[in-house]
Amino acid sequence: MPSRPFSPKPHPSPQAEITVVGVVEAGVEHGCTVLRTGDEVYQLVGSADPMIKPGARLAVRGRPNPNLITTCQQGTPFEVIEVRAA
């Protein structure tokens, strides 16, 4: 049987950029920060913005990345682009 050429799986397209509004909480794992928006929990990644602290109500613009592997084990990873007070 002839072998077929290797065809890698296509990478999923990046998630669309969105803005989510919620309250920052400390994650269950040390060093993890999440944003609770009501029904959803997003793990905030990729930003050291000083506004991201427990208790802050923020509007965060970025991209959800459910395929990102982290050690936080909580919420959908959310790659932060911009942070504003809400």
N, C-alpha and C. Protein backbone atom coordinates (compact mmCIF):
# COMPACT_ATOMS: atom_id res chain seq x y z
N MET A 1 0.85 -1.18 0.00
CA MET A 1 0.00 0.00 0.00
C MET A 1 0.90 1.24 0.00
N PRO A 2 0.69 2.17 -0.94
CA PRO A 2 1.53 3.36 -0.97
C PRO A 2 1.23 4.25 0.22
N SER A 3 2.27 4.87 0.73
CA SER A 3 2.06 5.79 1.86
C SER A 3 1.61 7.15 1.35
N ARG A 4 0.78 7.76 2.16
CA ARG A 4 0.30 9.10 1.81
C ARG A 4 1.24 10.12 2.43
N PRO A 5 1.40 11.25 1.79
CA PRO A 5 2.26 12.29 2.40
C PRO A 5 1.67 12.74 3.73
N PHE A 6 2.56 13.07 4.65
CA PHE A 6 2.14 13.56 5.96
C PHE A 6 1.41 14.88 5.80
N SER A 7 0.27 14.98 6.41
CA SER A 7 -0.52 16.21 6.38
C SER A 7 -0.85 16.59 7.81
N PRO A 8 -0.15 17.59 8.37
CA PRO A 8 -0.42 17.96 9.76
C PRO A 8 -1.82 18.50 9.92
N LYS A 9 -2.33 18.33 11.14
CA LYS A 9 -3.65 18.89 11.45
C LYS A 9 -3.56 20.41 11.37
N PRO A 10 -4.57 21.03 10.80
CA PRO A 10 -4.54 22.50 10.80
C PRO A 10 -4.69 23.01 12.22
N HIS A 11 -3.99 24.09 12.52
CA HIS A 11 -4.13 24.71 13.83
C HIS A 11 -5.47 25.42 13.88
N PRO A 12 -6.16 25.33 15.03
CA PRO A 12 -7.41 26.07 15.12
C PRO A 12 -7.13 27.56 14.98
N SER A 13 -8.04 28.26 14.34
CA SER A 13 -7.84 29.69 14.17
C SER A 13 -7.93 30.37 15.53
N PRO A 14 -7.19 31.45 15.72
CA PRO A 14 -7.23 32.15 17.00
C PRO A 14 -8.66 32.61 17.30
N GLN A 15 -8.97 32.61 18.56
CA GLN A 15 -10.28 33.11 18.98
C GLN A 15 -10.35 34.60 18.66
N ALA A 16 -11.55 35.06 18.41
CA ALA A 16 -11.77 36.48 18.15
C ALA A 16 -11.46 37.29 19.40
N GLU A 17 -11.01 38.50 19.20
CA GLU A 17 -10.75 39.40 20.31
C GLU A 17 -12.09 39.84 20.90
N ILE A 18 -12.18 39.80 22.23
CA ILE A 18 -13.40 40.22 22.92
C ILE A 18 -13.03 41.06 24.13
N THR A 19 -14.01 41.73 24.70
CA THR A 19 -13.83 42.44 25.96
C THR A 19 -14.78 41.82 26.97
N VAL A 20 -14.23 41.46 28.13
CA VAL A 20 -15.03 40.88 29.21
C VAL A 20 -14.94 41.80 30.42
N VAL A 21 -16.02 41.89 31.16
CA VAL A 21 -16.08 42.76 32.33
C VAL A 21 -16.41 41.90 33.54
N GLY A 22 -15.63 42.09 34.59
CA GLY A 22 -15.89 41.31 35.80
C GLY A 22 -15.00 41.75 36.94
N VAL A 23 -14.95 40.90 37.96
CA VAL A 23 -14.19 41.19 39.17
C VAL A 23 -13.03 40.21 39.26
N VAL A 24 -11.85 40.75 39.54
CA VAL A 24 -10.63 39.95 39.66
C VAL A 24 -10.65 39.20 40.99
N GLU A 25 -10.22 37.93 40.94
CA GLU A 25 -10.08 37.10 42.13
C GLU A 25 -8.74 36.38 42.08
N ALA A 26 -8.20 36.05 43.25
CA ALA A 26 -7.02 35.20 43.29
C ALA A 26 -7.45 33.80 42.87
N GLY A 27 -6.63 33.14 42.09
CA GLY A 27 -6.93 31.79 41.66
C GLY A 27 -6.69 30.79 42.77
N VAL A 28 -7.11 29.55 42.54
CA VAL A 28 -6.93 28.50 43.54
C VAL A 28 -5.46 28.09 43.65
N GLU A 29 -4.67 28.31 42.60
CA GLU A 29 -3.24 28.01 42.62
C GLU A 29 -2.47 29.30 42.86
N HIS A 30 -1.36 29.22 43.58
CA HIS A 30 -0.53 30.38 43.87
C HIS A 30 -0.07 31.06 42.58
N GLY A 31 -0.22 32.39 42.53
CA GLY A 31 0.23 33.16 41.38
C GLY A 31 -0.76 33.23 40.24
N CYS A 32 -1.92 32.63 40.38
CA CYS A 32 -2.93 32.64 39.33
C CYS A 32 -3.99 33.70 39.64
N THR A 33 -4.46 34.37 38.60
CA THR A 33 -5.46 35.41 38.74
C THR A 33 -6.58 35.14 37.76
N VAL A 34 -7.82 35.25 38.23
CA VAL A 34 -8.97 35.01 37.37
C VAL A 34 -9.89 36.22 37.37
N LEU A 35 -10.69 36.31 36.32
CA LEU A 35 -11.71 37.35 36.21
C LEU A 35 -13.06 36.64 36.16
N ARG A 36 -13.89 36.91 37.15
CA ARG A 36 -15.23 36.30 37.20
C ARG A 36 -16.21 37.29 36.60
N THR A 37 -16.91 36.85 35.52
CA THR A 37 -17.83 37.73 34.81
C THR A 37 -19.28 37.40 35.09
N GLY A 38 -19.54 36.57 36.05
CA GLY A 38 -20.90 36.09 36.32
C GLY A 38 -20.89 34.60 36.08
N ASP A 39 -21.28 34.19 34.86
CA ASP A 39 -21.32 32.77 34.52
C ASP A 39 -19.96 32.22 34.11
N GLU A 40 -19.05 33.08 33.69
CA GLU A 40 -17.76 32.65 33.16
C GLU A 40 -16.62 33.03 34.09
N VAL A 41 -15.56 32.22 34.05
CA VAL A 41 -14.33 32.51 34.77
C VAL A 41 -13.19 32.44 33.76
N TYR A 42 -12.40 33.51 33.68
CA TYR A 42 -11.27 33.57 32.77
C TYR A 42 -9.98 33.67 33.57
N GLN A 43 -9.01 32.87 33.22
CA GLN A 43 -7.69 32.96 33.82
C GLN A 43 -6.91 34.01 33.03
N LEU A 44 -6.49 35.09 33.67
CA LEU A 44 -5.81 36.18 32.98
C LEU A 44 -4.33 35.84 32.81
N VAL A 45 -3.87 35.84 31.56
CA VAL A 45 -2.47 35.51 31.27
C VAL A 45 -1.85 36.56 30.36
N GLY A 46 -0.54 36.73 30.50
CA GLY A 46 0.19 37.58 29.58
C GLY A 46 0.24 39.05 29.92
N SER A 47 -0.15 39.42 31.13
CA SER A 47 -0.11 40.83 31.50
C SER A 47 0.31 40.96 32.97
N ALA A 48 1.16 41.94 33.22
CA ALA A 48 1.55 42.27 34.59
C ALA A 48 0.97 43.62 35.00
N ASP A 49 -0.12 44.02 34.34
CA ASP A 49 -0.74 45.31 34.63
C ASP A 49 -1.07 45.39 36.12
N PRO A 50 -0.64 46.47 36.80
CA PRO A 50 -0.90 46.59 38.24
C PRO A 50 -2.39 46.73 38.59
N MET A 51 -3.23 47.02 37.61
CA MET A 51 -4.67 47.11 37.88
C MET A 51 -5.27 45.73 38.16
N ILE A 52 -4.58 44.68 37.72
CA ILE A 52 -5.10 43.32 37.90
C ILE A 52 -4.76 42.87 39.32
N LYS A 53 -5.70 43.12 40.22
CA LYS A 53 -5.52 42.73 41.62
C LYS A 53 -6.88 42.32 42.18
N PRO A 54 -6.91 41.37 43.11
CA PRO A 54 -8.18 40.90 43.66
C PRO A 54 -9.08 42.04 44.13
N GLY A 55 -10.33 41.94 43.74
CA GLY A 55 -11.33 42.93 44.12
C GLY A 55 -11.57 44.01 43.08
N ALA A 56 -10.66 44.16 42.12
CA ALA A 56 -10.81 45.20 41.10
C ALA A 56 -11.88 44.80 40.09
N ARG A 57 -12.73 45.76 39.72
CA ARG A 57 -13.72 45.54 38.66
C ARG A 57 -13.11 46.10 37.38
N LEU A 58 -12.89 45.21 36.40
CA LEU A 58 -12.17 45.58 35.19
C LEU A 58 -12.89 45.19 33.91
N ALA A 59 -12.56 45.92 32.86
CA ALA A 59 -12.91 45.54 31.49
C ALA A 59 -11.59 45.10 30.86
N VAL A 60 -11.53 43.85 30.44
CA VAL A 60 -10.28 43.29 29.90
C VAL A 60 -10.52 42.88 28.46
N ARG A 61 -9.68 43.43 27.56
CA ARG A 61 -9.75 43.08 26.14
C ARG A 61 -8.67 42.05 25.86
N GLY A 62 -9.05 41.02 25.10
CA GLY A 62 -8.08 39.99 24.77
C GLY A 62 -8.72 38.86 23.99
N ARG A 63 -8.05 37.70 24.04
CA ARG A 63 -8.52 36.52 23.30
C ARG A 63 -8.58 35.31 24.22
N PRO A 64 -9.73 34.65 24.30
CA PRO A 64 -9.78 33.39 25.02
C PRO A 64 -8.93 32.37 24.26
N ASN A 65 -8.18 31.55 24.99
CA ASN A 65 -7.36 30.51 24.37
C ASN A 65 -7.52 29.22 25.17
N PRO A 66 -8.62 28.49 24.92
CA PRO A 66 -8.88 27.27 25.70
C PRO A 66 -7.84 26.18 25.46
N ASN A 67 -7.02 26.30 24.43
CA ASN A 67 -5.99 25.30 24.15
C ASN A 67 -4.67 25.58 24.87
N LEU A 68 -4.56 26.73 25.55
CA LEU A 68 -3.34 27.08 26.25
C LEU A 68 -3.22 26.22 27.51
N ILE A 69 -2.07 25.60 27.68
CA ILE A 69 -1.83 24.75 28.85
C ILE A 69 -1.21 25.61 29.95
N THR A 70 -1.82 25.59 31.12
CA THR A 70 -1.31 26.34 32.27
C THR A 70 -1.33 25.45 33.50
N THR A 71 -0.76 25.94 34.57
CA THR A 71 -0.78 25.20 35.84
C THR A 71 -1.89 25.68 36.75
N CYS A 72 -2.67 26.65 36.31
CA CYS A 72 -3.68 27.26 37.19
C CYS A 72 -4.93 26.40 37.38
N GLN A 73 -5.27 25.59 36.43
CA GLN A 73 -6.40 24.65 36.57
C GLN A 73 -7.72 25.32 36.91
N GLN A 74 -7.91 26.55 36.45
CA GLN A 74 -9.15 27.25 36.77
C GLN A 74 -9.45 28.26 35.68
N GLY A 75 -10.64 28.22 35.15
CA GLY A 75 -11.06 29.20 34.15
C GLY A 75 -10.47 28.95 32.78
N THR A 76 -11.04 29.63 31.80
CA THR A 76 -10.54 29.59 30.43
C THR A 76 -9.37 30.56 30.32
N PRO A 77 -8.20 30.10 29.87
CA PRO A 77 -7.09 31.03 29.70
C PRO A 77 -7.48 32.17 28.76
N PHE A 78 -7.16 33.40 29.16
CA PHE A 78 -7.53 34.60 28.43
C PHE A 78 -6.29 35.44 28.25
N GLU A 79 -5.82 35.57 27.01
CA GLU A 79 -4.60 36.34 26.71
C GLU A 79 -4.95 37.82 26.68
N VAL A 80 -4.46 38.54 27.68
CA VAL A 80 -4.82 39.94 27.90
C VAL A 80 -4.08 40.86 26.93
N ILE A 81 -4.83 41.78 26.32
CA ILE A 81 -4.27 42.80 25.45
C ILE A 81 -4.33 44.17 26.14
N GLU A 82 -5.46 44.47 26.76
CA GLU A 82 -5.66 45.78 27.39
C GLU A 82 -6.52 45.63 28.64
N VAL A 83 -6.24 46.45 29.65
CA VAL A 83 -6.99 46.44 30.90
C VAL A 83 -7.48 47.86 31.18
N ARG A 84 -8.77 47.98 31.55
CA ARG A 84 -9.35 49.28 31.92
C ARG A 84 -10.21 49.08 33.16
N ALA A 85 -10.35 50.13 33.96
CA ALA A 85 -11.29 50.09 35.08
C ALA A 85 -12.70 50.04 34.51
N ALA A 86 -13.57 49.33 35.19
CA ALA A 86 -14.97 49.24 34.72
C ALA A 86 -15.92 49.82 35.73
